[in-house]
Protein backbone atom coordinates (compact mmCIF):
# COMPACT_ATOMS: atom_id res chain seq x y z
CA MET A 1 -39.41 -27.33 7.11
CA GLN A 2 -40.26 -24.36 4.88
CA LYS A 3 -40.03 -25.01 1.16
CA GLN A 4 -37.42 -22.62 -0.21
CA GLU A 5 -38.38 -20.93 -3.45
CA ASN A 6 -35.48 -19.34 -5.27
CA HIS A 7 -36.39 -15.74 -6.18
CA ASP A 8 -34.72 -13.72 -8.91
CA VAL A 9 -34.93 -10.36 -7.14
CA LEU A 10 -36.16 -9.84 -3.59
CA ILE A 11 -37.04 -6.22 -2.73
CA ILE A 12 -37.36 -5.29 0.94
CA GLY A 13 -39.70 -2.29 1.08
CA ALA A 14 -42.68 -1.07 -0.94
CA GLY A 15 -42.13 2.68 -1.33
CA ALA A 16 -41.24 4.65 -4.45
CA ALA A 17 -37.74 3.15 -4.74
CA GLY A 18 -38.83 -0.47 -4.42
CA LEU A 19 -41.90 -0.09 -6.63
CA SER A 20 -40.14 1.77 -9.44
CA LEU A 21 -37.42 -0.90 -9.42
CA ALA A 22 -40.00 -3.69 -9.51
CA LEU A 23 -41.90 -2.16 -12.42
CA SER A 24 -38.68 -1.70 -14.39
CA LEU A 25 -37.63 -5.32 -13.71
CA ALA A 26 -41.01 -6.95 -14.36
CA PRO A 27 -40.56 -7.47 -18.12
CA HIS A 28 -37.29 -9.32 -17.50
CA CYS A 29 -37.51 -11.43 -14.31
CA ARG A 30 -39.54 -12.52 -11.30
CA VAL A 31 -39.71 -9.98 -8.48
CA THR A 32 -40.93 -10.41 -4.91
CA ILE A 33 -41.64 -7.40 -2.69
CA LEU A 34 -41.65 -7.88 1.08
CA ALA A 35 -43.62 -5.16 2.89
CA LYS A 36 -43.37 -4.78 6.65
CA ASN A 37 -46.95 -3.69 7.08
CA GLY A 38 -49.52 -2.34 4.66
CA PHE A 39 -48.26 -0.39 1.67
CA GLN A 40 -49.46 2.88 3.22
CA ASP A 41 -46.76 2.50 5.86
CA SER A 42 -44.05 3.82 3.53
CA SER A 43 -42.77 7.38 3.77
CA THR A 44 -43.59 7.77 0.07
CA TYR A 45 -47.31 7.49 0.72
CA TRP A 46 -47.26 10.38 3.19
CA ALA A 47 -45.05 12.74 1.16
CA GLN A 48 -46.85 16.00 0.44
CA GLY A 49 -44.53 18.27 -1.56
CA GLY A 50 -43.52 16.85 -4.94
CA ILE A 51 -40.72 15.78 -7.25
CA SER A 52 -38.04 18.25 -8.32
CA ALA A 53 -37.31 18.33 -12.06
CA VAL A 54 -36.26 20.88 -14.66
CA LEU A 55 -39.45 21.36 -16.66
CA ASP A 56 -39.66 25.13 -17.10
CA ASP A 57 -38.03 26.93 -20.04
CA ASN A 58 -36.38 29.44 -17.69
CA ASP A 59 -34.75 26.68 -15.65
CA ASN A 60 -31.90 24.34 -16.58
CA PHE A 61 -29.89 21.40 -15.22
CA ASP A 62 -27.01 23.56 -14.07
CA PHE A 63 -29.33 25.66 -11.90
CA HIS A 64 -30.83 22.54 -10.32
CA ILE A 65 -27.36 21.08 -9.74
CA SER A 66 -26.08 24.33 -8.23
CA ASP A 67 -29.08 24.62 -5.89
CA THR A 68 -28.67 21.01 -4.74
CA ILE A 69 -24.97 21.40 -4.00
CA ARG A 70 -25.55 24.68 -2.21
CA ALA A 71 -28.32 23.16 -0.06
CA GLY A 72 -26.04 20.20 0.64
CA ALA A 73 -23.47 22.59 2.18
CA GLY A 74 -20.78 21.63 -0.33
CA LEU A 75 -20.70 17.97 0.64
CA CYS A 76 -22.67 16.54 -2.30
CA ASP A 77 -20.97 14.34 -4.87
CA PRO A 78 -21.21 16.47 -8.05
CA LYS A 79 -21.29 13.36 -10.25
CA ALA A 80 -24.22 11.92 -8.31
CA VAL A 81 -26.06 15.24 -8.43
CA ARG A 82 -25.70 15.64 -12.19
CA PHE A 83 -26.50 11.96 -12.73
CA THR A 84 -29.79 12.37 -10.83
CA VAL A 85 -30.84 15.80 -12.06
CA GLU A 86 -30.34 14.99 -15.76
CA ARG A 87 -32.62 11.94 -15.46
CA ALA A 88 -35.48 13.81 -13.78
CA PRO A 89 -37.46 14.81 -16.92
CA GLU A 90 -37.53 11.24 -18.25
CA VAL A 91 -38.78 10.01 -14.86
CA ILE A 92 -41.64 12.52 -14.98
CA ALA A 93 -42.50 11.43 -18.52
CA TRP A 94 -42.51 7.79 -17.34
CA LEU A 95 -44.90 8.63 -14.50
CA GLU A 96 -47.18 10.59 -16.79
CA SER A 97 -47.30 7.63 -19.19
CA MET A 98 -48.75 5.62 -16.30
CA GLY A 99 -51.41 8.24 -15.61
CA MET A 100 -49.87 10.03 -12.63
CA PRO A 101 -52.32 12.93 -12.02
CA PHE A 102 -49.96 15.89 -11.80
CA THR A 103 -51.53 19.25 -11.02
CA ARG A 104 -51.70 21.54 -14.03
CA LYS A 105 -52.13 25.28 -14.47
CA LYS A 106 -55.58 26.59 -15.11
CA THR A 107 -55.86 28.64 -18.29
CA ALA A 108 -58.69 30.18 -20.28
CA HIS A 109 -58.63 27.10 -22.48
CA GLY A 110 -58.60 24.60 -19.63
CA ASN A 111 -55.66 22.86 -17.94
CA SER A 112 -52.39 22.90 -19.85
CA PRO A 113 -48.79 23.04 -18.54
CA TYR A 114 -47.76 21.55 -15.24
CA HIS A 115 -48.19 23.70 -12.17
CA LEU A 116 -44.71 23.95 -10.68
CA THR A 117 -44.22 25.15 -7.13
CA ARG A 118 -41.08 26.37 -5.38
CA GLU A 119 -39.65 25.06 -2.13
CA GLY A 120 -36.73 25.85 0.15
CA GLY A 121 -33.33 25.95 -1.55
CA HIS A 122 -34.73 26.10 -5.09
CA SER A 123 -34.00 29.21 -7.13
CA TYR A 124 -36.76 28.38 -9.64
CA ARG A 125 -40.18 26.77 -9.66
CA ARG A 126 -39.32 23.16 -10.43
CA VAL A 127 -41.37 21.04 -8.01
CA ILE A 128 -44.02 19.10 -9.91
CA HIS A 129 -46.80 17.85 -7.67
CA SER A 130 -50.28 16.40 -7.27
CA ALA A 131 -51.98 19.03 -5.10
CA ASP A 132 -50.48 18.55 -1.60
CA ALA A 133 -50.62 14.74 -1.65
CA THR A 134 -48.01 13.86 -4.25
CA GLY A 135 -46.75 10.84 -2.34
CA ARG A 136 -50.20 9.27 -2.10
CA PHE A 137 -50.92 9.73 -5.81
CA LEU A 138 -47.43 8.51 -6.74
CA HIS A 139 -47.67 5.47 -4.50
CA ASN A 140 -51.12 4.53 -5.75
CA THR A 141 -50.04 4.93 -9.38
CA LEU A 142 -47.03 2.64 -8.90
CA VAL A 143 -48.96 0.05 -6.88
CA ASP A 144 -51.85 -0.05 -9.36
CA HIS A 145 -49.47 -0.79 -12.22
CA ALA A 146 -47.39 -3.24 -10.19
CA ARG A 147 -50.50 -5.29 -9.37
CA LEU A 148 -51.09 -5.78 -13.10
CA GLU A 149 -47.65 -7.34 -13.59
CA PRO A 150 -47.65 -11.16 -13.34
CA ASN A 151 -43.92 -11.13 -12.53
CA ILE A 152 -44.38 -8.97 -9.40
CA HIS A 153 -45.42 -10.80 -6.24
CA PHE A 154 -46.44 -8.81 -3.14
CA VAL A 155 -45.98 -10.29 0.33
CA ASN A 156 -47.30 -8.27 3.28
CA ASN A 157 -46.57 -8.46 7.00
CA ARG A 158 -42.93 -9.53 6.78
CA ILE A 159 -40.14 -7.75 8.64
CA ALA A 160 -36.60 -8.60 7.56
CA ILE A 161 -34.24 -9.63 10.36
CA ASP A 162 -30.84 -10.19 8.73
CA LEU A 163 -29.20 -10.77 5.39
CA ILE A 164 -27.75 -14.15 4.51
CA SER A 165 -24.31 -13.91 2.93
CA GLY A 166 -21.57 -16.43 2.30
CA THR A 167 -18.29 -17.37 0.71
CA LYS A 168 -18.54 -17.98 -3.01
CA ILE A 169 -15.01 -18.19 -4.43
CA GLY A 170 -12.04 -17.58 -2.15
CA HIS A 171 -12.64 -14.50 -0.02
CA ASN A 172 -15.49 -13.17 -2.18
CA SER A 173 -18.88 -13.21 -0.48
CA ARG A 174 -22.34 -12.64 -1.87
CA CYS A 175 -25.79 -11.90 -0.52
CA HIS A 176 -28.02 -14.98 -0.88
CA GLY A 177 -31.25 -13.83 0.73
CA VAL A 178 -32.79 -12.74 3.98
CA TYR A 179 -34.43 -14.08 7.12
CA ALA A 180 -37.80 -12.42 7.76
CA LEU A 181 -40.39 -12.68 10.51
CA ASN A 182 -43.91 -13.53 9.37
CA LEU A 183 -46.00 -11.17 11.50
CA ASP A 184 -49.12 -13.28 10.96
CA SER A 185 -47.70 -16.63 12.04
CA GLY A 186 -44.92 -15.42 14.33
CA ARG A 187 -42.44 -17.72 12.57
CA VAL A 188 -39.14 -16.80 10.92
CA GLU A 189 -38.91 -17.62 7.20
CA CYS A 190 -35.95 -17.99 4.87
CA TRP A 191 -36.16 -16.05 1.60
CA PRO A 192 -33.41 -17.03 -0.89
CA ALA A 193 -32.77 -14.66 -3.80
CA ARG A 194 -30.17 -14.14 -6.49
CA VAL A 195 -30.35 -10.38 -5.85
CA VAL A 196 -31.56 -8.59 -2.71
CA VAL A 197 -32.51 -4.91 -2.68
CA LEU A 198 -32.86 -2.82 0.49
CA ALA A 199 -35.50 -0.11 0.01
CA THR A 200 -36.59 0.13 3.63
CA GLY A 201 -36.50 3.90 4.11
CA GLY A 202 -34.75 5.88 6.82
CA ALA A 203 -34.43 5.87 10.60
CA GLY A 204 -36.55 8.82 11.71
CA ARG A 205 -38.14 6.77 14.47
CA ALA A 206 -34.83 6.77 16.32
CA TYR A 207 -36.06 10.14 17.59
CA LEU A 208 -38.96 10.98 19.90
CA TYR A 209 -40.71 13.27 17.41
CA SER A 210 -40.76 12.42 13.74
CA THR A 211 -42.80 13.02 10.60
CA ASN A 212 -42.01 9.45 9.50
CA PRO A 213 -44.41 6.48 9.69
CA ASP A 214 -43.84 3.94 12.44
CA GLY A 215 -41.89 1.63 10.13
CA ALA A 216 -38.97 4.06 9.64
CA THR A 217 -36.66 2.15 11.98
CA GLY A 218 -33.47 1.96 9.93
CA ASP A 219 -33.85 -1.75 9.17
CA GLY A 220 -31.96 -1.75 5.86
CA ILE A 221 -29.11 0.38 7.17
CA ALA A 222 -28.64 -1.84 10.23
CA MET A 223 -28.81 -5.09 8.23
CA ALA A 224 -26.31 -3.85 5.65
CA TRP A 225 -23.92 -2.73 8.42
CA ARG A 226 -24.10 -6.14 10.09
CA ALA A 227 -23.40 -7.71 6.68
CA GLY A 228 -20.18 -5.71 6.32
CA CYS A 229 -21.27 -2.73 4.20
CA ARG A 230 -20.00 0.79 4.72
CA VAL A 231 -22.31 3.58 5.84
CA SER A 232 -21.74 7.30 5.39
CA ASN A 233 -23.10 10.76 6.32
CA LEU A 234 -25.35 9.46 9.08
CA GLU A 235 -24.66 12.52 11.22
CA PHE A 236 -26.87 14.48 8.83
CA ILE A 237 -30.37 13.89 10.17
CA GLN A 238 -32.82 16.34 8.63
CA PHE A 239 -35.41 17.98 10.86
CA HIS A 240 -38.36 19.27 8.88
CA PRO A 241 -39.04 22.81 10.09
CA THR A 242 -42.83 22.59 10.11
CA CYS A 243 -44.61 19.68 11.76
CA LEU A 244 -48.07 20.54 13.12
CA TYR A 245 -48.00 21.06 16.89
CA HIS A 246 -50.99 19.13 18.24
CA PRO A 247 -51.25 16.13 20.60
CA GLU A 248 -53.43 14.24 18.10
CA ALA A 249 -51.18 14.91 15.11
CA LYS A 250 -47.59 14.41 16.24
CA SER A 251 -46.47 13.22 12.81
CA PHE A 252 -48.51 15.47 10.53
CA LEU A 253 -46.23 17.39 8.20
CA ILE A 254 -47.02 20.87 6.90
CA SER A 255 -45.54 20.83 3.40
CA GLU A 256 -42.65 23.05 2.48
CA ALA A 257 -44.83 24.20 -0.41
CA VAL A 258 -46.86 26.29 2.08
CA ARG A 259 -43.76 28.44 2.56
CA GLY A 260 -42.99 28.16 -1.13
CA GLU A 261 -46.34 29.75 -1.92
CA GLY A 262 -45.84 32.62 0.52
CA GLY A 263 -46.33 31.17 4.01
CA ARG A 264 -44.66 33.22 6.76
CA LEU A 265 -43.08 32.04 10.00
CA LEU A 266 -44.14 34.17 12.98
CA LEU A 267 -43.51 34.52 16.68
CA PRO A 268 -46.59 34.53 18.96
CA ASN A 269 -46.70 38.35 18.76
CA GLY A 270 -47.02 38.15 14.96
CA GLU A 271 -43.42 39.20 14.24
CA ARG A 272 -41.49 37.55 11.40
CA PHE A 273 -38.01 36.31 12.33
CA MET A 274 -36.41 34.43 9.43
CA GLN A 275 -34.83 37.60 8.03
CA GLN A 276 -32.45 37.53 11.01
CA PHE A 277 -31.01 34.17 9.89
CA ASP A 278 -30.99 34.14 6.08
CA ASP A 279 -31.75 36.55 3.23
CA ARG A 280 -33.98 33.89 1.68
CA ARG A 281 -36.18 33.98 4.78
CA GLU A 282 -38.76 31.16 4.74
CA LEU A 283 -37.27 29.79 1.50
CA ALA A 284 -33.87 29.05 3.03
CA PRO A 285 -32.83 25.35 3.08
CA ARG A 286 -34.38 23.19 5.76
CA ASP A 287 -31.34 23.04 8.05
CA ILE A 288 -31.29 26.84 8.35
CA VAL A 289 -35.05 27.18 8.90
CA ALA A 290 -35.19 24.37 11.47
CA ARG A 291 -32.23 25.80 13.39
CA ALA A 292 -33.81 29.27 13.35
CA ILE A 293 -37.08 27.94 14.77
CA ASP A 294 -35.22 25.93 17.40
CA HIS A 295 -33.24 29.05 18.37
CA GLU A 296 -36.35 31.19 18.78
CA MET A 297 -38.20 28.51 20.74
CA LYS A 298 -35.32 28.14 23.18
CA ARG A 299 -34.68 31.89 23.40
CA LEU A 300 -38.29 32.71 24.26
CA GLY A 301 -39.29 29.45 25.96
CA LEU A 302 -41.86 28.66 23.28
CA LYS A 303 -43.54 25.32 22.60
CA TYR A 304 -44.04 26.26 18.94
CA VAL A 305 -43.94 29.06 16.39
CA LEU A 306 -46.62 30.00 13.89
CA LEU A 307 -46.96 29.47 10.15
CA ASP A 308 -49.33 31.85 8.40
CA ILE A 309 -50.62 31.81 4.83
CA SER A 310 -53.98 33.42 5.58
CA HIS A 311 -52.96 36.53 3.60
CA LYS A 312 -53.66 34.39 0.52
CA SER A 313 -57.27 33.96 -0.60
CA ALA A 314 -59.32 31.11 0.79
CA ASP A 315 -59.81 29.75 -2.74
CA PHE A 316 -56.03 29.70 -3.30
CA ILE A 317 -55.45 27.75 -0.07
CA LYS A 318 -58.26 25.29 -0.81
CA GLU A 319 -56.93 24.65 -4.32
CA HIS A 320 -53.26 24.26 -3.39
CA PHE A 321 -53.46 22.59 0.03
CA PRO A 322 -56.68 20.58 0.28
CA THR A 323 -55.16 17.77 2.38
CA ILE A 324 -53.48 20.09 4.87
CA LEU A 325 -56.56 22.31 5.10
CA SER A 326 -58.81 19.32 5.75
CA ARG A 327 -56.60 17.86 8.48
CA THR A 328 -55.93 21.13 10.26
CA SER A 329 -59.65 21.94 10.15
CA GLU A 330 -60.39 18.61 11.82
CA LEU A 331 -58.08 19.68 14.64
CA GLY A 332 -59.68 23.08 15.12
CA PHE A 333 -57.46 25.36 12.98
CA ASP A 334 -58.53 27.46 10.01
CA MET A 335 -55.59 28.15 7.70
CA THR A 336 -57.70 30.52 5.64
CA THR A 337 -58.18 32.96 8.53
CA GLY A 338 -55.12 32.61 10.74
CA PRO A 339 -51.81 30.89 11.51
CA ILE A 340 -51.22 27.33 12.67
CA PRO A 341 -48.67 26.15 15.31
CA VAL A 342 -45.60 24.28 14.04
CA VAL A 343 -42.39 22.73 15.42
CA PRO A 344 -39.39 20.96 13.85
CA ALA A 345 -39.44 17.16 13.79
CA THR A 346 -37.09 14.47 12.51
CA HIS A 347 -37.84 13.96 8.84
CA TYR A 348 -35.09 12.44 6.68
CA THR A 349 -31.92 10.37 6.99
CA CYS A 350 -29.50 12.02 4.54
CA GLY A 351 -26.84 9.35 4.96
CA GLY A 352 -27.09 5.58 4.69
CA VAL A 353 -25.55 2.55 3.04
CA VAL A 354 -22.78 3.55 0.63
CA THR A 355 -23.67 2.72 -2.99
CA ASP A 356 -22.38 3.46 -6.45
CA LEU A 357 -24.48 5.09 -9.16
CA ASN A 358 -26.09 1.75 -9.97
CA GLY A 359 -27.26 1.22 -6.39
CA ARG A 360 -24.66 -1.48 -5.66
CA THR A 361 -23.38 -1.83 -2.09
CA ASP A 362 -20.06 -3.31 -0.91
CA LEU A 363 -21.66 -6.78 -0.78
CA PRO A 364 -22.15 -8.40 -4.21
CA GLY A 365 -25.78 -9.23 -4.88
CA LEU A 366 -27.00 -6.51 -2.50
CA TYR A 367 -28.39 -3.15 -3.64
CA ALA A 368 -29.68 -0.22 -1.58
CA LEU A 369 -32.06 2.45 -2.82
CA GLY A 370 -33.85 5.58 -1.65
CA GLU A 371 -33.50 6.82 1.90
CA THR A 372 -31.67 3.62 2.89
CA ALA A 373 -28.78 4.51 0.57
CA CYS A 374 -26.09 7.16 0.53
CA THR A 375 -25.51 7.99 -3.13
CA GLY A 376 -23.83 11.35 -2.55
CA LEU A 377 -26.83 13.31 -3.84
CA HIS A 378 -27.86 15.01 -0.60
CA GLY A 379 -24.54 15.84 1.04
CA ALA A 380 -24.99 17.56 4.40
CA ASN A 381 -28.62 18.53 3.82
CA ARG A 382 -31.27 17.28 1.40
CA MET A 383 -32.92 19.90 -0.78
CA ALA A 384 -36.71 19.74 -0.77
CA SER A 385 -38.35 17.26 -3.21
CA ASN A 386 -35.05 15.67 -4.26
CA SER A 387 -35.92 12.52 -2.27
CA LEU A 388 -38.74 11.13 -4.42
CA LEU A 389 -36.62 12.01 -7.44
CA GLU A 390 -33.71 9.96 -6.08
CA CYS A 391 -35.98 6.97 -5.41
CA LEU A 392 -37.36 6.98 -8.95
CA VAL A 393 -34.09 7.62 -10.76
CA PHE A 394 -32.08 4.99 -8.90
CA GLY A 395 -34.91 2.46 -8.98
CA ARG A 396 -34.87 2.56 -12.78
CA VAL A 397 -31.07 2.67 -13.06
CA ALA A 398 -30.59 -0.25 -10.65
CA ALA A 399 -33.06 -2.28 -12.69
CA LYS A 400 -30.90 -1.91 -15.81
CA ASP A 401 -27.82 -3.00 -13.87
CA ILE A 402 -29.58 -6.02 -12.37
CA VAL A 403 -30.96 -7.12 -15.75
CA ARG A 404 -27.45 -6.96 -17.24
CA ASP A 405 -26.03 -9.04 -14.39
CA LEU A 406 -28.75 -11.65 -13.82
CA PRO A 407 -27.67 -14.11 -16.56
CA ASN A 408 -24.32 -14.48 -14.79
CA ILE A 409 -25.78 -15.17 -11.32
CA PRO A 410 -26.31 -18.86 -10.48
CA PRO A 411 -29.31 -20.11 -8.50
CA VAL A 412 -29.04 -19.78 -4.74
CA PRO A 413 -28.01 -22.93 -2.87
CA THR A 414 -30.25 -24.38 -0.17
CA LEU A 415 -29.94 -22.15 2.87
CA PRO A 416 -30.06 -23.15 6.55
CA GLU A 417 -33.38 -22.56 8.25
CA TRP A 418 -33.58 -20.08 11.12
CA ASP A 419 -32.60 -21.75 14.38
CA GLU A 420 -34.77 -20.90 17.36
CA SER A 421 -34.39 -24.20 19.18
CA ARG A 422 -32.62 -22.55 22.12
CA VAL A 423 -34.84 -19.55 22.70
CA THR A 424 -37.99 -19.09 24.73
CA ASP A 425 -40.98 -16.78 24.74
CA SER A 426 -40.30 -13.51 26.52
CA ASP A 427 -41.88 -12.91 29.90
CA GLU A 428 -40.75 -9.26 30.03
CA GLU A 429 -41.92 -7.47 26.89
CA ILE A 430 -42.00 -4.26 28.94
CA VAL A 431 -38.18 -4.21 28.74
CA VAL A 432 -38.41 -3.61 24.98
CA THR A 433 -40.91 -0.80 25.46
CA HIS A 434 -38.78 0.91 28.10
CA ASN A 435 -35.59 0.66 26.07
CA TRP A 436 -37.36 1.94 22.94
CA HIS A 437 -38.62 5.04 24.76
CA GLU A 438 -35.28 5.68 26.45
CA LEU A 439 -33.40 5.46 23.15
CA ARG A 440 -35.72 7.88 21.33
CA GLN A 441 -35.80 10.37 24.21
CA MET A 442 -32.02 10.29 24.53
CA MET A 443 -31.50 10.82 20.78
CA TRP A 444 -33.91 13.77 20.83
CA ASN A 445 -32.19 15.40 23.81
CA TYR A 446 -28.54 14.74 22.94
CA VAL A 447 -28.32 14.22 19.16
CA GLY A 448 -30.81 16.80 17.93
CA ILE A 449 -30.72 20.05 15.97
CA VAL A 450 -27.94 21.54 18.15
CA ARG A 451 -25.22 19.24 19.51
CA THR A 452 -22.14 19.28 21.74
CA ASN A 453 -19.36 16.76 22.29
CA LYS A 454 -20.55 16.26 25.86
CA ARG A 455 -24.10 15.46 24.75
CA LEU A 456 -22.87 13.13 22.01
CA GLN A 457 -20.58 11.26 24.40
CA ARG A 458 -23.42 10.82 26.87
CA ALA A 459 -25.52 9.41 24.06
CA ALA A 460 -22.72 7.06 22.97
CA ASN A 461 -22.28 5.71 26.52
CA ARG A 462 -25.98 5.10 27.02
CA ILE A 463 -26.44 3.48 23.60
CA ARG A 464 -23.60 1.10 24.40
CA LEU A 465 -25.42 -0.06 27.54
CA LEU A 466 -28.75 -0.29 25.74
CA LYS A 467 -27.23 -2.38 22.95
CA ARG A 468 -25.81 -4.80 25.50
CA GLU A 469 -29.26 -5.22 27.08
CA ILE A 470 -30.94 -5.54 23.67
CA ASN A 471 -28.44 -8.16 22.42
CA GLU A 472 -28.87 -10.20 25.59
CA TYR A 473 -32.62 -10.08 25.12
CA TYR A 474 -32.26 -10.93 21.42
CA SER A 475 -30.08 -13.94 22.25
CA ASN A 476 -32.51 -15.53 24.66
CA PHE A 477 -36.01 -14.83 23.44
CA ARG A 478 -38.00 -15.37 20.26
CA VAL A 479 -37.87 -12.37 17.99
CA SER A 480 -40.82 -10.01 17.67
CA ASN A 481 -41.52 -7.00 15.49
CA ASP A 482 -40.73 -4.59 18.33
CA LEU A 483 -37.50 -6.36 19.27
CA ILE A 484 -36.24 -6.44 15.66
CA GLU A 485 -36.99 -2.72 15.21
CA LEU A 486 -35.43 -1.79 18.55
CA ARG A 487 -32.26 -3.74 17.68
CA ASN A 488 -32.02 -1.93 14.35
CA LEU A 489 -32.73 1.50 15.85
CA ALA A 490 -30.02 1.02 18.47
CA THR A 491 -27.53 0.05 15.75
CA VAL A 492 -28.34 3.07 13.59
CA ALA A 493 -28.40 5.42 16.61
CA GLU A 494 -24.88 4.27 17.47
CA LEU A 495 -23.75 4.92 13.90
CA ILE A 496 -25.33 8.39 13.89
CA VAL A 497 -23.47 9.30 17.09
CA ARG A 498 -20.17 7.86 15.85
CA CYS A 499 -20.39 9.90 12.64
CA ALA A 500 -21.35 13.03 14.60
CA LEU A 501 -18.41 12.69 16.99
CA ARG A 502 -16.02 12.41 14.06
CA ARG A 503 -17.27 15.55 12.31
CA ARG A 504 -15.43 18.36 14.09
CA GLU A 505 -17.14 21.23 12.35
CA SER A 506 -20.65 22.57 11.82
CA ARG A 507 -21.94 21.81 8.36
CA GLY A 508 -25.45 21.49 7.02
CA LEU A 509 -27.62 19.48 9.38
CA HIS A 510 -24.79 18.83 11.83
CA TYR A 511 -24.47 21.87 14.10
CA THR A 512 -22.26 21.63 17.18
CA LEU A 513 -21.53 24.35 19.72
CA ASP A 514 -18.00 22.98 20.14
CA TYR A 515 -17.15 23.61 16.45
CA PRO A 516 -19.61 26.28 15.29
CA GLU A 517 -17.83 27.07 12.00
CA PRO A 518 -17.39 24.88 8.91
CA LYS A 519 -13.93 23.78 7.86
CA PRO A 520 -12.54 25.27 4.63
CA ARG A 521 -12.40 21.79 3.15
CA SER A 522 -14.56 18.87 4.18
CA ARG A 523 -15.37 15.36 3.04
CA PRO A 524 -17.97 12.68 3.79
CA ILE A 525 -17.41 10.50 6.83
CA ALA A 526 -17.77 6.79 6.09
CA LEU A 527 -17.70 4.02 8.66
CA LYS A 528 -16.58 0.50 7.82
CA PRO A 529 -17.48 -2.49 10.00
CA THR A 530 -14.57 -4.19 11.74
CA PRO A 531 -14.10 -7.97 11.50
CA ALA A 532 -15.55 -8.24 15.00
CA THR A 533 -18.73 -6.54 13.81
CA GLN A 534 -19.18 -9.11 11.06
CA ARG A 535 -18.03 -12.18 12.98
CA VAL A 536 -20.67 -14.82 13.51
CA ARG A 537 -21.18 -15.27 17.22
CA ARG A 538 -23.64 -17.84 18.49
CA ALA A 539 -24.92 -17.20 21.98
CA ASN A 540 -25.22 -19.96 24.54
CA ARG A 541 -28.83 -20.05 23.49
CA GLY A 542 -30.61 -18.42 20.57
CA HIS A 543 -29.74 -17.31 17.10
CA ASP A 544 -26.90 -15.56 15.35
CA HIS A 545 -26.06 -11.93 16.02
CA ALA A 546 -24.68 -11.45 12.52
CA PRO A 547 -25.52 -12.56 8.98
CA LEU A 548 -25.04 -16.27 8.48
CA GLN A 549 -21.81 -17.08 6.64
CA LEU A 550 -22.16 -20.10 4.37
């Protein structure tokens, strides 16, 4: 039997949200971070653009708030937007105190003020960055400092399966920990904790083409849903307009900053087209640009459109986009002399687990941060570079809330070990592979940039059948990484479709041919699990389908 160590705070995920939380908690309590794979598997590491913050004298909080709400198609929570925006400068100061190497302007006297770039939806230059690899520099800065903290314990190669919750007093329940699969040993472990934090990222891998790393399988959203938490705004799946079109680089993002610094979108004949869709042209919000590209590709039967910044000097491109230039050059393109082919790809999950402004979910003892959460900041469409900002702001704010609450939280009782006495090893792993591919292909075809009720209903029907097959498989065979991720993806895919079917208008990232116009007044769509969703059901053989109730 595994010895159960009682952890103060257990963080699932090692991106910007989880790491900033851990660093803020380290002076006060013991923190354990469970990472699914290596730390480079987080979406943070691969982020190129930057962090939006009011740092220029000509800019102000009200402008940033207004731009965010406008990009979010009027569905943002104004309180959440102001809460986040006003904390941005202090987050940047915190990062700089840790040595984050932000790019600075070159002057006659050397480097001085920050170099701020502009991206889609922003009316001012307010995106602070580290060349075109901000995520990598941010992630390395946070990890380097976290490794120096004796109160932060890193555990790699663990994928969370389900939360453990139970009755505390009367009808009140609390999260007590998580079951996680050790990918090295193949055994399921029990991780008790006084506080559990979901910082697992989004669900971009529910789609066939995505800019996200392989681990973006909606694990936190699915686990929270099974534990009884509400989810909201999951119909708003952001497609990044410019992913490099190349068979060897299906997930390589071309930063929005390329368009922010003058990059132009072109048809194969060299003609610009964005002026037909929005006065802001290439600097329109992502939902508009992605839909415009999708429209032109379908209208002309194109596999891609072109992005061209070669009218800028070669030195300018090398200085501002060294990572993109290096990678595209490896693949046979020269950004300094001509355009590169791009297509939209799934990029960001704007909705997620409903939280308050401290990161608390509906389940006491459980927090959700970053792309896993729905704070109300993004509304119907996330504005560029607000995502890393949200991770950092809410990581630090949640830490303060947890520190205040920890003295009142008792140690976790001994928890039941994972029961796999009635399961066997699978003899048909190919079933998981087939279902995974079918799910992602179906989501791409029926729940993509442009939707219809008929397509959504087809998706709902097929997901229902897939979930039945997946649950049967889950009930009878030992869990594996692929099976856990497939189960979570199917759950989140179902929630995306349910939210989309309930939104009978076109707004932000949700565009449907059946309701092409937005309603005069709109509100977020939240789903709440039914008692049947949360009920513990033990199969004839195998383990629980829902979080264990103590």
